[in-house]
Amino acid sequence: MDIVGARNPAGPRQILDPNRRGDEISRFEDALRRKIVGQSAALEAIIELYQTFLAGLHPPNRPIANFLFLGPTGSGKTRVVEAMAEALFHDARALIKVDCGEFQHSHEIAKLIGSPPGYLGHRETHPVLTQEALNQWHTDRMRLSLLLFDEIEKASDSLWQLLLGILDKATLTLGDNRRVDFSQTIIFMTSNLGAAEMNNLIQGGLGFTCPRRAAQSDQEESAPQWEDKLDRVAIDAARRKFSPEFMNRLDRVVVFRALRRQDLDSILDLELNLVQQRILAAAGSAPFLFSCSPSARSRILEQGYDPKYGARHLKRAIERNVVFPLAKLMATGQVKLGDLVRVDADPNSSSMSFVREAEGLLIPVSREIGHEPPVPQMNRAARMPGRRLEFPFSVETK
């Protein structure tokens, strides 16, 4: 048998570094970390998986990987999958998302695989999990599909039984006997199982290093021990819900942490950036920029901080305090092309104040949501004394 590459077998030994990452993996990691805050364990698992996929060492005749994401609501489980789609395909919609709340009864499985020939409505029922749907984002360079089953615990037993074959053999037979191949697919499943038990353990504020129970014990638990306990609570809840056959087909179970206050501060920057991009895409011929003062940021964080609801509560606070008022300013023509509007917390009320600080800025408009905000350039008007905009509407805070 010929041995390929056996030149100089007695050459010097060289220590190899399995932790080194190539340029493509580094770019992929940077793209994820710019979009996801506070979930390092999930990002590390996805980065390792993607590196295995690029090397071609993922298991044959199986999905590339089967993930189960556990954790409280608003912690970013679905957002991580969307961020991966953005990083790979530049579009958060480049995945198939199955809302398992729509499949709580066994007969609703026909919406996924279609009805068999001869059944009433066979031709009108178009299955979701087709080969064409899986391959629609494939390119010559990237033959990869992302499939997300959101809130899997809400689905009926029939869907879990259907998943057993997909997770193990990467195949599915549709109602019309067509076969679907999932061997080039990463399957994600999200669940809130164990979130209530995790919240019961976390007392005395949000954080994992100062639980009240541990503080009252004779020997305080370390942070890694406490995080391991949270992992066990979530995984035990999943094992009580799902069968051993189902759990045994999962490659990785990742427990998401509840977002802390410092995490929400970073998420606020990301969400305000997205609001700015929405303005540039919706303003047509009159785009403008806005900025939030430190006091405005503090008020938004104060209203948007809720350990039980995570980042979703913060998004609602941004909508109330920033998006709705700016939409009214746009509708009444109080902002013009090239304006710079400063959002500040009104000390005399619970609402925000809006001041035009500059006008006539040159704004390079990007129509793609999620890109970095444009850098304004002074055109004909330098920064001028703030001019308060007439905004008679009161912003509700509760």
Protein backbone atom coordinates (compact mmCIF):
# COMPACT_ATOMS: atom_id res chain seq x y z
CA MET A 1 0.00 0.00 0.00
CA ASP A 2 1.39 3.39 -0.96
CA ILE A 3 1.72 5.92 1.85
CA VAL A 4 0.92 9.44 0.68
CA GLY A 5 3.00 12.26 2.07
CA ALA A 6 5.57 10.09 3.84
CA ARG A 7 8.53 12.28 2.95
CA ASN A 8 11.23 12.59 5.59
CA PRO A 9 9.53 10.37 8.20
CA ALA A 10 12.44 10.89 10.59
CA GLY A 11 12.22 14.70 10.47
CA PRO A 12 11.99 16.93 13.51
CA ARG A 13 8.89 16.72 15.67
CA GLN A 14 6.53 19.69 15.57
CA ILE A 15 3.91 20.51 18.16
CA LEU A 16 0.57 21.22 16.48
CA ASP A 17 -2.01 23.65 17.83
CA PRO A 18 -5.63 22.41 17.48
CA ASN A 19 -6.91 25.71 18.89
CA ARG A 20 -5.57 27.78 15.98
CA ARG A 21 -8.27 29.19 13.72
CA GLY A 22 -8.05 30.06 10.06
CA ASP A 23 -9.07 33.32 8.44
CA GLU A 24 -12.56 32.16 7.48
CA ILE A 25 -13.30 30.84 10.96
CA SER A 26 -11.98 34.07 12.51
CA ARG A 27 -14.24 36.16 10.27
CA PHE A 28 -17.19 33.93 11.13
CA GLU A 29 -16.47 34.25 14.85
CA ASP A 30 -16.13 38.03 14.65
CA ALA A 31 -19.45 38.28 12.80
CA LEU A 32 -21.21 36.23 15.48
CA ARG A 33 -19.69 38.08 18.43
CA ARG A 34 -20.74 41.43 16.95
CA LYS A 35 -24.35 40.28 17.02
CA ILE A 36 -24.63 38.04 20.12
CA VAL A 37 -23.99 39.16 23.71
CA GLY A 38 -23.59 37.06 26.84
CA GLN A 39 -23.78 33.55 25.34
CA SER A 40 -20.17 32.46 24.90
CA ALA A 41 -20.91 28.74 25.35
CA ALA A 42 -23.37 28.72 22.44
CA LEU A 43 -21.00 30.66 20.18
CA GLU A 44 -18.09 28.35 20.95
CA ALA A 45 -20.22 25.30 20.12
CA ILE A 46 -21.31 26.77 16.79
CA ILE A 47 -17.78 27.89 15.87
CA GLU A 48 -16.38 24.41 16.56
CA LEU A 49 -19.17 22.86 14.51
CA TYR A 50 -18.56 25.18 11.56
CA GLN A 51 -14.84 24.44 11.63
CA THR A 52 -15.61 20.69 11.52
CA PHE A 53 -17.95 21.28 8.60
CA LEU A 54 -15.33 23.23 6.64
CA ALA A 55 -12.82 20.42 7.22
CA GLY A 56 -15.35 17.88 5.90
CA LEU A 57 -15.19 15.77 9.06
CA HIS A 58 -18.86 15.91 10.02
CA PRO A 59 -20.53 12.46 10.31
CA PRO A 60 -21.72 10.98 7.00
CA ASN A 61 -25.36 10.02 6.45
CA ARG A 62 -26.46 12.18 9.37
CA PRO A 63 -27.26 15.86 9.77
CA ILE A 64 -24.16 17.98 10.19
CA ALA A 65 -25.20 18.51 13.82
CA ASN A 66 -28.28 18.40 16.06
CA PHE A 67 -28.47 21.15 18.66
CA LEU A 68 -30.89 21.69 21.52
CA PHE A 69 -30.85 25.19 23.02
CA LEU A 70 -32.31 25.50 26.52
CA GLY A 71 -32.77 28.56 28.67
CA PRO A 72 -35.09 31.39 29.69
CA THR A 73 -37.08 33.44 27.22
CA GLY A 74 -35.35 36.44 25.69
CA SER A 75 -31.85 35.03 26.20
CA GLY A 76 -31.06 34.82 22.47
CA LYS A 77 -31.67 31.19 21.48
CA THR A 78 -33.43 31.99 18.21
CA ARG A 79 -31.26 35.05 17.64
CA VAL A 80 -28.10 32.91 17.61
CA VAL A 81 -29.45 30.89 14.66
CA GLU A 82 -30.45 34.06 12.82
CA ALA A 83 -27.01 35.55 13.47
CA MET A 84 -25.42 32.44 11.97
CA ALA A 85 -27.60 32.86 8.87
CA GLU A 86 -26.53 36.49 8.62
CA ALA A 87 -22.86 35.61 8.99
CA LEU A 88 -22.99 32.87 6.32
CA PHE A 89 -25.61 34.14 3.86
CA HIS A 90 -25.95 37.87 4.74
CA ASP A 91 -29.65 37.39 5.48
CA ALA A 92 -31.31 36.48 8.78
CA ARG A 93 -34.10 34.77 6.80
CA ALA A 94 -31.73 32.24 5.22
CA LEU A 95 -33.14 29.38 7.26
CA ILE A 96 -36.27 27.29 7.62
CA LYS A 97 -38.05 28.13 10.85
CA VAL A 98 -40.75 25.82 12.16
CA ASP A 99 -42.89 27.31 14.93
CA CYS A 100 -43.75 24.21 16.94
CA GLY A 101 -46.69 25.98 18.57
CA GLU A 102 -48.51 25.37 15.27
CA PHE A 103 -48.05 21.58 15.56
CA GLN A 104 -49.70 20.76 18.87
CA HIS A 105 -52.00 18.16 17.24
CA SER A 106 -50.93 15.12 15.28
CA HIS A 107 -52.96 15.93 12.15
CA GLU A 108 -51.06 19.20 11.73
CA ILE A 109 -47.93 17.27 10.74
CA ALA A 110 -49.37 17.30 7.20
CA LYS A 111 -48.29 20.94 6.98
CA LEU A 112 -44.67 19.76 7.26
CA ILE A 113 -44.66 16.68 5.04
CA GLY A 114 -47.83 17.10 2.95
CA SER A 115 -50.86 14.86 2.67
CA PRO A 116 -50.66 11.46 0.95
CA PRO A 117 -52.23 11.17 -2.53
CA GLY A 118 -55.96 10.55 -2.38
CA TYR A 119 -56.55 12.57 0.78
CA LEU A 120 -58.79 15.59 0.63
CA GLY A 121 -56.71 18.71 0.01
CA HIS A 122 -53.65 16.77 -1.15
CA ARG A 123 -52.81 19.19 -3.95
CA GLU A 124 -53.49 22.26 -1.80
CA THR A 125 -51.18 21.18 1.04
CA HIS A 126 -47.64 22.20 0.17
CA PRO A 127 -45.10 20.67 2.58
CA VAL A 128 -42.61 22.89 4.35
CA LEU A 129 -39.72 20.43 4.57
CA THR A 130 -38.95 19.91 0.90
CA GLN A 131 -35.57 19.47 -0.74
CA GLU A 132 -36.11 22.69 -2.69
CA ALA A 133 -36.71 24.62 0.52
CA LEU A 134 -33.55 23.20 2.10
CA ASN A 135 -31.40 23.98 -0.93
CA GLN A 136 -32.71 27.45 -1.73
CA TRP A 137 -29.73 29.19 -0.07
CA HIS A 138 -27.08 26.82 -1.39
CA THR A 139 -24.26 28.27 -3.46
CA ASP A 140 -21.28 26.73 -5.23
CA ARG A 141 -19.15 27.67 -2.24
CA MET A 142 -21.57 26.95 0.59
CA ARG A 143 -23.83 23.91 0.48
CA LEU A 144 -25.35 24.26 3.93
CA SER A 145 -28.90 24.50 5.25
CA LEU A 146 -30.16 25.76 8.61
CA LEU A 147 -33.34 24.26 10.08
CA LEU A 148 -34.85 25.63 13.29
CA PHE A 149 -37.62 24.03 15.36
CA ASP A 150 -38.63 26.82 17.72
CA GLU A 151 -40.10 25.95 21.14
CA ILE A 152 -39.96 22.24 20.44
CA GLU A 153 -41.64 21.34 23.74
CA LYS A 154 -44.97 22.71 22.41
CA ALA A 155 -45.13 20.20 19.56
CA SER A 156 -47.12 16.98 19.68
CA ASP A 157 -45.56 13.56 20.12
CA SER A 158 -46.05 12.97 16.39
CA LEU A 159 -43.54 15.68 15.54
CA TRP A 160 -41.00 14.27 17.99
CA GLN A 161 -41.41 10.82 16.39
CA LEU A 162 -40.96 12.38 12.96
CA LEU A 163 -37.75 14.03 14.13
CA LEU A 164 -36.23 10.74 15.29
CA GLY A 165 -35.59 9.62 11.73
CA ILE A 166 -34.34 13.04 10.63
CA LEU A 167 -31.92 13.40 13.55
CA ASP A 168 -30.52 9.89 13.10
CA LYS A 169 -30.59 9.04 9.37
CA ALA A 170 -30.95 12.54 7.85
CA THR A 171 -33.86 11.41 5.69
CA LEU A 172 -37.57 12.18 5.53
CA THR A 173 -40.30 10.72 3.31
CA LEU A 174 -42.97 13.21 2.30
CA GLY A 175 -46.64 12.42 1.81
CA ASP A 176 -46.12 11.91 -1.95
CA ASN A 177 -43.18 9.51 -1.30
CA ARG A 178 -40.49 12.02 -2.23
CA ARG A 179 -37.39 11.73 -0.04
CA VAL A 180 -35.65 14.69 1.55
CA ASP A 181 -31.94 14.59 2.40
CA PHE A 182 -30.81 16.45 5.55
CA SER A 183 -27.15 15.44 5.39
CA GLN A 184 -26.13 19.03 4.57
CA THR A 185 -28.31 20.53 7.31
CA ILE A 186 -27.68 21.84 10.81
CA ILE A 187 -30.76 21.23 12.93
CA PHE A 188 -31.47 23.57 15.84
CA MET A 189 -34.19 23.10 18.43
CA THR A 190 -35.03 25.66 21.10
CA SER A 191 -36.96 25.18 24.32
CA ASN A 192 -37.79 27.08 27.50
CA LEU A 193 -37.78 23.87 29.54
CA GLY A 194 -36.11 24.37 32.90
CA ALA A 195 -36.34 28.16 32.76
CA ALA A 196 -38.68 28.34 35.77
CA GLU A 197 -36.40 26.11 37.84
CA MET A 198 -33.37 28.19 36.82
CA ASN A 199 -35.14 31.39 37.87
CA ASN A 200 -35.98 29.83 41.22
CA LEU A 201 -32.31 29.10 41.83
CA ILE A 202 -31.21 32.61 40.87
CA GLN A 203 -32.21 34.79 43.80
CA GLY A 204 -31.11 38.15 45.08
CA GLY A 205 -30.71 39.69 41.61
CA LEU A 206 -29.51 38.51 38.27
CA GLY A 207 -26.15 36.79 38.28
CA PHE A 208 -24.58 33.40 38.84
CA THR A 209 -21.89 34.08 41.44
CA CYS A 210 -23.95 35.40 44.35
CA PRO A 211 -27.04 33.21 44.80
CA ARG A 212 -28.78 33.65 48.10
CA ARG A 213 -28.78 29.95 48.84
CA ALA A 214 -25.06 29.68 48.32
CA ALA A 215 -24.42 32.73 50.48
CA GLN A 216 -26.37 31.14 53.30
CA SER A 217 -24.55 27.83 53.05
CA ASP A 218 -21.53 26.98 55.14
CA GLN A 219 -19.30 26.78 52.11
CA GLU A 220 -20.10 29.15 49.24
CA GLU A 221 -20.21 27.55 45.81
CA SER A 222 -17.85 28.80 43.14
CA ALA A 223 -19.13 30.30 39.90
CA PRO A 224 -18.32 27.20 37.76
CA GLN A 225 -20.10 24.94 40.26
CA TRP A 226 -23.13 27.21 40.24
CA GLU A 227 -23.24 27.29 36.44
CA ASP A 228 -22.97 23.48 36.35
CA LYS A 229 -25.95 23.31 38.69
CA LEU A 230 -27.98 25.53 36.36
CA ASP A 231 -27.00 23.32 33.43
CA ARG A 232 -28.14 20.21 35.26
CA VAL A 233 -31.47 21.78 36.16
CA ALA A 234 -32.24 22.65 32.53
CA ILE A 235 -31.02 19.34 31.10
CA ASP A 236 -32.95 17.34 33.71
CA ALA A 237 -36.12 19.21 32.73
CA ALA A 238 -35.52 18.29 29.08
CA ARG A 239 -34.95 14.63 29.99
CA ARG A 240 -38.25 14.55 31.86
CA LYS A 241 -40.04 15.91 28.80
CA PHE A 242 -38.37 14.04 25.94
CA SER A 243 -37.78 10.32 25.49
CA PRO A 244 -34.29 8.80 25.85
CA GLU A 245 -34.32 8.01 22.10
CA PHE A 246 -34.82 11.68 21.32
CA MET A 247 -32.16 12.96 23.74
CA ASN A 248 -29.68 10.34 22.53
CA ARG A 249 -29.80 11.73 19.00
CA LEU A 250 -28.67 15.21 20.06
CA ASP A 251 -25.05 16.13 19.44
CA ARG A 252 -25.00 19.07 21.82
CA VAL A 253 -27.28 20.55 24.46
CA VAL A 254 -26.45 24.19 25.19
CA VAL A 255 -27.93 26.02 28.19
CA PHE A 256 -28.33 29.76 27.67
CA ARG A 257 -27.74 32.14 30.56
CA ALA A 258 -30.21 34.78 31.65
CA LEU A 259 -28.95 38.15 30.42
CA ARG A 260 -27.40 40.42 33.02
CA ARG A 261 -27.65 44.19 33.19
CA GLN A 262 -24.21 44.72 31.62
CA ASP A 263 -25.24 42.42 28.77
CA LEU A 264 -28.31 44.54 28.09
CA ASP A 265 -26.12 47.64 27.85
CA SER A 266 -24.27 46.04 24.92
CA ILE A 267 -27.52 44.80 23.40
CA LEU A 268 -28.88 48.33 23.58
CA ASP A 269 -26.12 49.48 21.20
CA LEU A 270 -27.02 46.71 18.76
CA GLU A 271 -30.75 47.47 18.89
CA LEU A 272 -30.27 51.24 18.45
CA ASN A 273 -28.10 50.49 15.43
CA LEU A 274 -30.94 48.41 13.96
CA VAL A 275 -33.39 51.25 14.61
CA GLN A 276 -31.08 53.63 12.74
CA GLN A 277 -30.98 51.26 9.79
CA ARG A 278 -34.77 51.01 9.81
CA ILE A 279 -34.95 54.80 9.64
CA LEU A 280 -32.55 54.96 6.70
CA ALA A 281 -34.50 52.26 4.87
CA ALA A 282 -37.93 53.78 5.57
CA ALA A 283 -37.22 57.52 5.30
CA GLY A 284 -37.03 57.47 1.50
CA SER A 285 -35.54 60.71 0.22
CA ALA A 286 -35.25 62.28 3.69
CA PRO A 287 -33.03 60.07 5.86
CA PHE A 288 -31.78 61.43 9.17
CA LEU A 289 -29.64 60.30 12.08
CA PHE A 290 -30.37 60.14 15.79
CA SER A 291 -28.28 59.66 18.91
CA CYS A 292 -29.21 58.86 22.50
CA SER A 293 -27.70 60.76 25.40
CA PRO A 294 -26.36 58.88 28.46
CA SER A 295 -29.45 59.86 30.43
CA ALA A 296 -31.72 58.53 27.68
CA ARG A 297 -29.79 55.27 27.60
CA SER A 298 -30.05 54.95 31.38
CA ARG A 299 -33.80 55.45 31.29
CA ILE A 300 -34.27 52.91 28.51
CA LEU A 301 -32.16 50.37 30.40
CA GLU A 302 -34.05 51.05 33.61
CA GLN A 303 -37.39 50.43 31.91
CA GLY A 304 -36.10 47.53 29.81
CA TYR A 305 -34.36 45.52 32.53
CA ASP A 306 -36.37 42.50 33.59
CA PRO A 307 -34.57 39.21 34.36
CA LYS A 308 -37.66 37.16 33.45
CA TYR A 309 -38.09 38.51 29.92
CA GLY A 310 -34.51 39.23 28.82
CA ALA A 311 -33.83 41.23 25.68
CA ARG A 312 -37.46 41.28 24.55
CA HIS A 313 -38.40 43.63 27.38
CA LEU A 314 -35.54 45.94 26.35
CA LYS A 315 -36.82 45.99 22.75
CA ARG A 316 -40.26 47.06 23.98
CA ALA A 317 -38.68 49.91 25.95
CA ILE A 318 -36.83 51.05 22.81
CA GLU A 319 -40.04 50.98 20.80
CA ARG A 320 -41.90 53.06 23.39
CA ASN A 321 -39.19 55.63 24.02
CA VAL A 322 -37.46 55.96 20.65
CA VAL A 323 -39.21 54.32 17.70
CA PHE A 324 -42.79 55.50 18.27
CA PRO A 325 -41.82 59.16 18.90
CA LEU A 326 -39.44 59.25 15.91
CA ALA A 327 -42.18 57.78 13.73
CA LYS A 328 -44.49 60.64 14.78
CA LEU A 329 -41.78 63.18 14.03
CA MET A 330 -41.36 61.69 10.56
CA ALA A 331 -45.11 61.61 9.95
CA THR A 332 -45.49 65.30 10.87
CA GLY A 333 -42.52 66.45 8.78
CA GLN A 334 -40.53 67.77 11.74
CA VAL A 335 -37.32 66.06 10.60
CA LYS A 336 -35.66 66.71 7.25
CA LEU A 337 -32.96 65.28 5.07
CA GLY A 338 -29.59 65.27 6.84
CA ASP A 339 -30.88 66.14 10.33
CA LEU A 340 -29.16 64.91 13.47
CA VAL A 341 -31.70 64.39 16.28
CA ARG A 342 -30.56 63.96 19.85
CA VAL A 343 -32.78 61.90 22.14
CA ASP A 344 -32.60 62.88 25.79
CA ALA A 345 -34.50 61.99 28.96
CA ASP A 346 -36.84 64.80 29.96
CA PRO A 347 -36.11 65.52 33.65
CA ASN A 348 -39.56 67.02 34.17
CA SER A 349 -41.59 64.06 32.90
CA SER A 350 -41.41 60.40 32.06
CA SER A 351 -41.14 61.13 28.33
CA MET A 352 -38.14 61.74 26.09
CA SER A 353 -37.14 65.09 24.59
CA PHE A 354 -36.00 65.38 20.96
CA VAL A 355 -33.65 68.16 19.82
CA ARG A 356 -32.31 68.86 16.33
CA GLU A 357 -28.59 69.37 16.87
CA ALA A 358 -27.40 69.63 13.25
CA GLU A 359 -28.80 69.68 9.75
CA GLY A 360 -27.51 69.27 6.24
CA LEU A 361 -25.40 66.19 6.96
CA LEU A 362 -24.24 64.00 4.09
CA ILE A 363 -25.61 60.56 4.93
CA PRO A 364 -24.44 57.55 2.89
CA VAL A 365 -27.57 55.42 2.84
CA SER A 366 -27.34 51.63 3.18
CA ARG A 367 -30.52 49.68 2.48
CA GLU A 368 -29.31 46.50 4.16
CA ILE A 369 -30.55 46.08 7.68
CA GLY A 370 -27.92 45.07 10.21
CA HIS A 371 -24.91 46.82 8.74
CA GLU A 372 -22.87 49.29 10.73
CA PRO A 373 -24.43 52.77 10.98
CA PRO A 374 -23.14 55.35 8.48
CA VAL A 375 -20.70 58.02 9.57
CA PRO A 376 -22.26 61.47 9.12
CA GLN A 377 -20.28 64.23 7.43
CA MET A 378 -20.82 67.94 7.86
CA ASN A 379 -21.97 69.51 4.60
CA ARG A 380 -23.15 73.12 4.67
CA ALA A 381 -24.21 73.52 8.28
CA ALA A 382 -21.94 73.04 11.24
CA ARG A 383 -23.26 71.96 14.61
CA MET A 384 -25.67 74.60 15.80
CA PRO A 385 -27.43 75.31 19.09
CA GLY A 386 -30.00 72.63 19.77
CA ARG A 387 -33.45 73.43 18.45
CA ARG A 388 -36.23 71.69 20.37
CA LEU A 389 -38.70 69.92 18.13
CA GLU A 390 -42.38 70.37 18.80
CA PHE A 391 -43.43 67.00 20.13
CA PRO A 392 -46.70 67.18 22.02
CA PHE A 393 -47.11 63.44 22.50
CA SER A 394 -46.40 61.86 25.85
CA VAL A 395 -44.48 58.59 25.81
CA GLU A 396 -46.04 55.95 27.99
CA THR A 397 -43.58 54.24 30.30
CA LYS A 398 -45.82 51.55 31.71
